[in-house]
Structures are given as structure tokens and as C-alpha cells.
Amino acid sequence: MDPAEEIVALWLKQSGFFAMPSVDVCYKGKQIDFLAVDPRTRKAVQVEVHASVRPLGPFRAWGPAKYGNPPLEQRVRDYYHHKFVGATKPGAADPVNRCIEAKAAELLGTSKYRRWLVVGSLHPKDDAEQLKAELSKYGVEVFFLKDIVQQILRSKRPAKDPTGRFIQLLFSAQP
């Protein structure tokens, strides 16, 4: 699992969620990062992680930087469809199918689940507040990895898993 996903898994666990990581959907290689349920509240979420230490270009659904040129509204729409709805093609206005939504609803037992996106660093061309506003139009709540790490650090109990322990040790060593 990617280090950013390890951090998100710890955060979900500390927040009381039971999480299923790396859920296969649609076609070979396509995965949902996490499906999670809080058994106390029955809150169900799909969580996608989009984290980079030094982004090579603006926020976008596909790797090559050429897909980072359209306006933010289009890049967010493409990302939403690509990660939360179903198979898409670069630049297409609508997804080819809705297999991600269908799989998430099937495994979570409801079509009324929340969609969360965890974001690492943003490229200087992207504004965090604009990104959050655009994603909220699709019902996606945005969390930043740096804030999640701070929440983990505020936990009063020492972490027992390697990821949490590493984070706590790393930050305890700072003056």
C-alpha cells in the first residue's frame, strides 16, 4: 500500500471506521482506494487518495501533464467521474459506465454513501479553496493529508501499528 494510503488507513481506524482497502472494480487494475463504514453510526464512505510530494502539474484525473491544461471545472469533473463514478476516457464529458458507483453501493449496502478525497500537496496553479468548492458540487468532501497527520498526532494514545508509530516518532524527534 502507498504510504499516503497507510496514513489514511490509520486515520480511518482511529476515527472508528472499518475500512476495506484496494477494492477491485470494473476492469483489471481499477481500484477504489477505500470503502469504509463506521459501525456505530452506519456512516458509509468511499475514500480516494490523491497525494504527491511535488506535483508535476495541476490536479487532474490522468497522469500526463497535457491533461492538466483544461479549466479546473473540467479537470474536477473528469476526476470525479474517473474515481467515483465509472470508466472514463480523457476529455469525455460523461463516464462510459457507472461501475465504481455500483460496486461501492453493493459493498457498502447503500447508494447513500459519502465521497471523500484526501489530497497531498497541490501544484501552485491550483487553489485549495477553489478545488474544494468544485469538488463539493459533486458531493465530494476534501481532506488534506497534512491535516490528517495532525489529527493522528493529537491522538492521546501511543500508536501500536507501524505507520502510526513512525509518524509519532518522527514528529516527537522535532524540537
C-alpha atoms as a PDB file:
ATOM      1  CA  MET A   1       0.000   0.000   0.000  1.00  0.00           C
ATOM      2  CA  ASP A   2       1.159   3.524  -0.785  1.00  0.00           C
ATOM      3  CA  PRO A   3       2.475   5.485   2.271  1.00  0.00           C
ATOM      4  CA  ALA A   4      -0.269   8.107   1.905  1.00  0.00           C
ATOM      5  CA  GLU A   5      -2.852   5.312   1.877  1.00  0.00           C
ATOM      6  CA  GLU A   6      -1.245   3.809   5.010  1.00  0.00           C
ATOM      7  CA  ILE A   7      -1.738   7.149   6.761  1.00  0.00           C
ATOM      8  CA  VAL A   8      -5.360   7.351   5.580  1.00  0.00           C
ATOM      9  CA  ALA A   9      -5.985   3.765   6.756  1.00  0.00           C
ATOM     10  CA  LEU A  10      -4.690   4.678  10.224  1.00  0.00           C
ATOM     11  CA  TRP A  11      -6.824   7.847  10.286  1.00  0.00           C
ATOM     12  CA  LEU A  12      -9.950   5.913   9.333  1.00  0.00           C
ATOM     13  CA  LYS A  13      -9.233   3.320  12.017  1.00  0.00           C
ATOM     14  CA  GLN A  14      -8.633   5.985  14.681  1.00  0.00           C
ATOM     15  CA  SER A  15     -11.885   7.648  13.588  1.00  0.00           C
ATOM     16  CA  GLY A  16     -13.804   4.421  14.268  1.00  0.00           C
ATOM     17  CA  PHE A  17     -14.178   3.142  10.709  1.00  0.00           C
ATOM     18  CA  PHE A  18     -13.849  -0.403   9.474  1.00  0.00           C
ATOM     19  CA  ALA A  19     -12.067   0.031   6.147  1.00  0.00           C
ATOM     20  CA  MET A  20     -11.654  -2.171   3.085  1.00  0.00           C
ATOM     21  CA  PRO A  21      -8.566  -1.035   1.168  1.00  0.00           C
ATOM     22  CA  SER A  22      -7.852  -1.504  -2.530  1.00  0.00           C
ATOM     23  CA  VAL A  23     -11.244  -2.741  -3.687  1.00  0.00           C
ATOM     24  CA  ASP A  24     -11.090  -4.122  -7.242  1.00  0.00           C
ATOM     25  CA  VAL A  25     -13.772  -2.775  -9.590  1.00  0.00           C
ATOM     26  CA  CYS A  26     -14.728  -2.697 -13.261  1.00  0.00           C
ATOM     27  CA  TYR A  27     -11.651  -3.942 -15.037  1.00  0.00           C
ATOM     28  CA  LYS A  28      -8.141  -5.119 -14.321  1.00  0.00           C
ATOM     29  CA  GLY A  29      -6.152  -2.558 -12.376  1.00  0.00           C
ATOM     30  CA  LYS A  30      -9.066  -0.283 -11.429  1.00  0.00           C
ATOM     31  CA  GLN A  31      -9.479   0.050  -7.663  1.00  0.00           C
ATOM     32  CA  ILE A  32     -11.334   2.065  -5.080  1.00  0.00           C
ATOM     33  CA  ASP A  33      -8.754   3.170  -2.504  1.00  0.00           C
ATOM     34  CA  PHE A  34     -11.056   2.588   0.496  1.00  0.00           C
ATOM     35  CA  LEU A  35     -14.628   1.720   1.280  1.00  0.00           C
ATOM     36  CA  ALA A  36     -15.295   2.333   4.962  1.00  0.00           C
ATOM     37  CA  VAL A  37     -18.150   2.040   7.441  1.00  0.00           C
ATOM     38  CA  ASP A  38     -18.437   3.395  10.958  1.00  0.00           C
ATOM     39  CA  PRO A  39     -20.323   0.587  12.738  1.00  0.00           C
ATOM     40  CA  ARG A  40     -21.532   2.941  15.481  1.00  0.00           C
ATOM     41  CA  THR A  41     -23.184   5.479  13.181  1.00  0.00           C
ATOM     42  CA  ARG A  42     -23.551   3.397   9.984  1.00  0.00           C
ATOM     43  CA  LYS A  43     -21.837   6.224   8.074  1.00  0.00           C
ATOM     44  CA  ALA A  44     -20.502   4.765   4.822  1.00  0.00           C
ATOM     45  CA  VAL A  45     -17.788   6.405   2.718  1.00  0.00           C
ATOM     46  CA  GLN A  46     -15.720   5.912  -0.382  1.00  0.00           C
ATOM     47  CA  VAL A  47     -12.274   7.422   0.113  1.00  0.00           C
ATOM     48  CA  GLU A  48      -9.864   8.197  -2.696  1.00  0.00           C
ATOM     49  CA  VAL A  49      -6.282   9.319  -2.053  1.00  0.00           C
ATOM     50  CA  HIS A  50      -4.548  11.738  -4.441  1.00  0.00           C
ATOM     51  CA  ALA A  51      -1.183  12.529  -2.850  1.00  0.00           C
ATOM     52  CA  SER A  52       2.076  13.750  -4.277  1.00  0.00           C
ATOM     53  CA  VAL A  53       5.046  15.327  -2.546  1.00  0.00           C
ATOM     54  CA  ARG A  54       5.838  17.553  -5.529  1.00  0.00           C
ATOM     55  CA  PRO A  55       3.018  17.578  -8.102  1.00  0.00           C
ATOM     56  CA  LEU A  56       4.286  17.812 -11.678  1.00  0.00           C
ATOM     57  CA  GLY A  57       1.200  19.664 -12.824  1.00  0.00           C
ATOM     58  CA  PRO A  58      -2.282  20.825 -11.880  1.00  0.00           C
ATOM     59  CA  PHE A  59      -4.875  18.494 -10.324  1.00  0.00           C
ATOM     60  CA  ARG A  60      -6.151  16.051 -12.944  1.00  0.00           C
ATOM     61  CA  ALA A  61      -7.568  12.577 -13.425  1.00  0.00           C
ATOM     62  CA  TRP A  62      -4.848  11.192 -15.707  1.00  0.00           C
ATOM     63  CA  GLY A  63      -1.085  11.197 -15.427  1.00  0.00           C
ATOM     64  CA  PRO A  64       0.316  13.128 -18.380  1.00  0.00           C
ATOM     65  CA  ALA A  65       0.570  16.852 -17.710  1.00  0.00           C
ATOM     66  CA  LYS A  66      -1.232  17.563 -21.023  1.00  0.00           C
ATOM     67  CA  TYR A  67      -4.457  16.664 -19.213  1.00  0.00           C
ATOM     68  CA  GLY A  68      -3.787  19.482 -16.722  1.00  0.00           C
ATOM     69  CA  ASN A  69      -4.437  22.275 -19.238  1.00  0.00           C
ATOM     70  CA  PRO A  70      -8.282  22.457 -19.185  1.00  0.00           C
ATOM     71  CA  PRO A  71     -10.037  24.723 -16.667  1.00  0.00           C
ATOM     72  CA  LEU A  72     -10.347  23.470 -13.088  1.00  0.00           C
ATOM     73  CA  GLU A  73     -14.077  22.787 -13.506  1.00  0.00           C
ATOM     74  CA  GLN A  74     -13.401  20.293 -16.316  1.00  0.00           C
ATOM     75  CA  ARG A  75     -10.437  18.674 -14.523  1.00  0.00           C
ATOM     76  CA  VAL A  76     -12.553  18.189 -11.374  1.00  0.00           C
ATOM     77  CA  ARG A  77     -15.455  16.769 -13.401  1.00  0.00           C
ATOM     78  CA  ASP A  78     -13.106  14.326 -15.131  1.00  0.00           C
ATOM     79  CA  TYR A  79     -11.515  13.325 -11.829  1.00  0.00           C
ATOM     80  CA  TYR A  80     -14.889  12.815 -10.161  1.00  0.00           C
ATOM     81  CA  HIS A  81     -16.151  10.588 -12.962  1.00  0.00           C
ATOM     82  CA  HIS A  82     -12.850   8.688 -13.201  1.00  0.00           C
ATOM     83  CA  LYS A  83     -12.541   7.980  -9.459  1.00  0.00           C
ATOM     84  CA  PHE A  84     -16.092   7.992  -8.072  1.00  0.00           C
ATOM     85  CA  VAL A  85     -18.427   7.015 -10.931  1.00  0.00           C
ATOM     86  CA  GLY A  86     -17.007   4.724 -13.581  1.00  0.00           C
ATOM     87  CA  ALA A  87     -14.714   4.127 -16.518  1.00  0.00           C
ATOM     88  CA  THR A  88     -13.959   7.270 -18.499  1.00  0.00           C
ATOM     89  CA  LYS A  89     -11.887   8.460 -21.404  1.00  0.00           C
ATOM     90  CA  PRO A  90      -9.721  11.592 -21.210  1.00  0.00           C
ATOM     91  CA  GLY A  91     -11.747  14.627 -22.241  1.00  0.00           C
ATOM     92  CA  ALA A  92     -15.057  12.756 -22.396  1.00  0.00           C
ATOM     93  CA  ALA A  93     -17.919  14.616 -20.747  1.00  0.00           C
ATOM     94  CA  ASP A  94     -19.524  11.517 -19.221  1.00  0.00           C
ATOM     95  CA  PRO A  95     -18.286   8.170 -17.936  1.00  0.00           C
ATOM     96  CA  VAL A  96     -18.561   5.113 -20.173  1.00  0.00           C
ATOM     97  CA  ASN A  97     -20.241   3.224 -17.325  1.00  0.00           C
ATOM     98  CA  ARG A  98     -21.055   3.618 -13.610  1.00  0.00           C
ATOM     99  CA  CYS A  99     -19.223   0.535 -12.352  1.00  0.00           C
ATOM    100  CA  ILE A 100     -17.438   2.273  -9.458  1.00  0.00           C
ATOM    101  CA  GLU A 101     -20.701   3.658  -8.063  1.00  0.00           C
ATOM    102  CA  ALA A 102     -22.367   0.276  -8.475  1.00  0.00           C
ATOM    103  CA  LYS A 103     -19.570  -1.639  -6.721  1.00  0.00           C
ATOM    104  CA  ALA A 104     -19.372   0.869  -3.852  1.00  0.00           C
ATOM    105  CA  ALA A 105     -23.149   0.748  -3.333  1.00  0.00           C
ATOM    106  CA  GLU A 106     -23.129  -3.050  -3.456  1.00  0.00           C
ATOM    107  CA  LEU A 107     -20.333  -3.469  -0.894  1.00  0.00           C
ATOM    108  CA  LEU A 108     -21.460  -0.647   1.395  1.00  0.00           C
ATOM    109  CA  GLY A 109     -25.065  -1.850   1.272  1.00  0.00           C
ATOM    110  CA  THR A 110     -26.407   1.561   0.316  1.00  0.00           C
ATOM    111  CA  SER A 111     -26.285   4.041  -2.540  1.00  0.00           C
ATOM    112  CA  LYS A 112     -26.336   6.859   0.033  1.00  0.00           C
ATOM    113  CA  TYR A 113     -22.686   6.928   0.961  1.00  0.00           C
ATOM    114  CA  ARG A 114     -20.299   9.848   1.251  1.00  0.00           C
ATOM    115  CA  ARG A 115     -17.398  10.545  -1.027  1.00  0.00           C
ATOM    116  CA  TRP A 116     -14.124  11.776   0.426  1.00  0.00           C
ATOM    117  CA  LEU A 117     -10.940  12.804  -1.318  1.00  0.00           C
ATOM    118  CA  VAL A 118      -7.652  13.020   0.558  1.00  0.00           C
ATOM    119  CA  VAL A 119      -5.196  15.346  -1.189  1.00  0.00           C
ATOM    120  CA  GLY A 120      -1.479  15.823  -0.613  1.00  0.00           C
ATOM    121  CA  SER A 121       0.373  18.873  -1.909  1.00  0.00           C
ATOM    122  CA  LEU A 122      -1.178  20.896  -4.705  1.00  0.00           C
ATOM    123  CA  HIS A 123       0.553  22.374  -7.720  1.00  0.00           C
ATOM    124  CA  PRO A 124       0.976  26.186  -7.477  1.00  0.00           C
ATOM    125  CA  LYS A 125      -1.567  26.587 -10.322  1.00  0.00           C
ATOM    126  CA  ASP A 126      -4.292  25.046  -8.128  1.00  0.00           C
ATOM    127  CA  ASP A 127      -6.016  26.861  -5.285  1.00  0.00           C
ATOM    128  CA  ALA A 128      -7.105  24.646  -2.385  1.00  0.00           C
ATOM    129  CA  GLU A 129     -10.347  26.534  -1.735  1.00  0.00           C
ATOM    130  CA  GLN A 130     -11.357  26.515  -5.405  1.00  0.00           C
ATOM    131  CA  LEU A 131     -10.623  22.801  -5.604  1.00  0.00           C
ATOM    132  CA  LYS A 132     -12.736  22.123  -2.522  1.00  0.00           C
ATOM    133  CA  ALA A 133     -15.571  24.262  -3.900  1.00  0.00           C
ATOM    134  CA  GLU A 134     -15.564  22.489  -7.272  1.00  0.00           C
ATOM    135  CA  LEU A 135     -15.495  19.018  -5.704  1.00  0.00           C
ATOM    136  CA  SER A 136     -18.287  19.938  -3.290  1.00  0.00           C
ATOM    137  CA  LYS A 137     -20.534  20.453  -6.346  1.00  0.00           C
ATOM    138  CA  TYR A 138     -20.262  16.680  -6.814  1.00  0.00           C
ATOM    139  CA  GLY A 139     -20.771  15.926  -3.131  1.00  0.00           C
ATOM    140  CA  VAL A 140     -17.091  15.193  -2.511  1.00  0.00           C
ATOM    141  CA  GLU A 141     -15.576  16.350   0.775  1.00  0.00           C
ATOM    142  CA  VAL A 142     -11.862  17.189   0.602  1.00  0.00           C
ATOM    143  CA  PHE A 143      -9.335  16.460   3.347  1.00  0.00           C
ATOM    144  CA  PHE A 144      -5.662  17.374   3.249  1.00  0.00           C
ATOM    145  CA  LEU A 145      -3.037  14.837   4.205  1.00  0.00           C
ATOM    146  CA  LYS A 146      -1.179  17.350   6.402  1.00  0.00           C
ATOM    147  CA  ASP A 147      -4.361  17.851   8.488  1.00  0.00           C
ATOM    148  CA  ILE A 148      -4.856  14.092   8.793  1.00  0.00           C
ATOM    149  CA  VAL A 149      -1.290  13.683  10.075  1.00  0.00           C
ATOM    150  CA  GLN A 150      -2.003  16.399  12.664  1.00  0.00           C
ATOM    151  CA  GLN A 151      -5.140  14.536  13.783  1.00  0.00           C
ATOM    152  CA  ILE A 152      -3.111  11.350  14.167  1.00  0.00           C
ATOM    153  CA  LEU A 153      -0.519  13.225  16.212  1.00  0.00           C
ATOM    154  CA  ARG A 154      -3.213  14.643  18.510  1.00  0.00           C
ATOM    155  CA  SER A 155      -4.277  11.137  19.457  1.00  0.00           C
ATOM    156  CA  LYS A 156      -3.586  10.694  23.158  1.00  0.00           C
ATOM    157  CA  ARG A 157      -2.667   7.015  22.872  1.00  0.00           C
ATOM    158  CA  PRO A 158       0.636   5.734  21.511  1.00  0.00           C
ATOM    159  CA  ALA A 159       0.149   4.086  18.147  1.00  0.00           C
ATOM    160  CA  LYS A 160       0.532   0.322  18.021  1.00  0.00           C
ATOM    161  CA  ASP A 161       0.745  -0.081  14.267  1.00  0.00           C
ATOM    162  CA  PRO A 162       3.996   0.659  12.367  1.00  0.00           C
ATOM    163  CA  THR A 163       2.638   3.630  10.390  1.00  0.00           C
ATOM    164  CA  GLY A 164       1.251   5.442  13.428  1.00  0.00           C
ATOM    165  CA  ARG A 165       4.329   4.690  15.491  1.00  0.00           C
ATOM    166  CA  PHE A 166       6.579   6.003  12.708  1.00  0.00           C
ATOM    167  CA  ILE A 167       4.587   9.245  12.464  1.00  0.00           C
ATOM    168  CA  GLN A 168       4.645   9.734  16.232  1.00  0.00           C
ATOM    169  CA  LEU A 169       8.387   9.007  16.438  1.00  0.00           C
ATOM    170  CA  LEU A 170       9.156  11.270  13.510  1.00  0.00           C
ATOM    171  CA  PHE A 171       7.316  14.223  14.973  1.00  0.00           C
ATOM    172  CA  SER A 172       8.469  13.606  18.573  1.00  0.00           C
ATOM    173  CA  ALA A 173      12.066  13.971  17.387  1.00  0.00           C
ATOM    174  CA  GLN A 174      11.470  17.540  16.235  1.00  0.00           C
ATOM    175  CA  PRO A 175      12.496  20.360  18.609  1.00  0.00           C
END
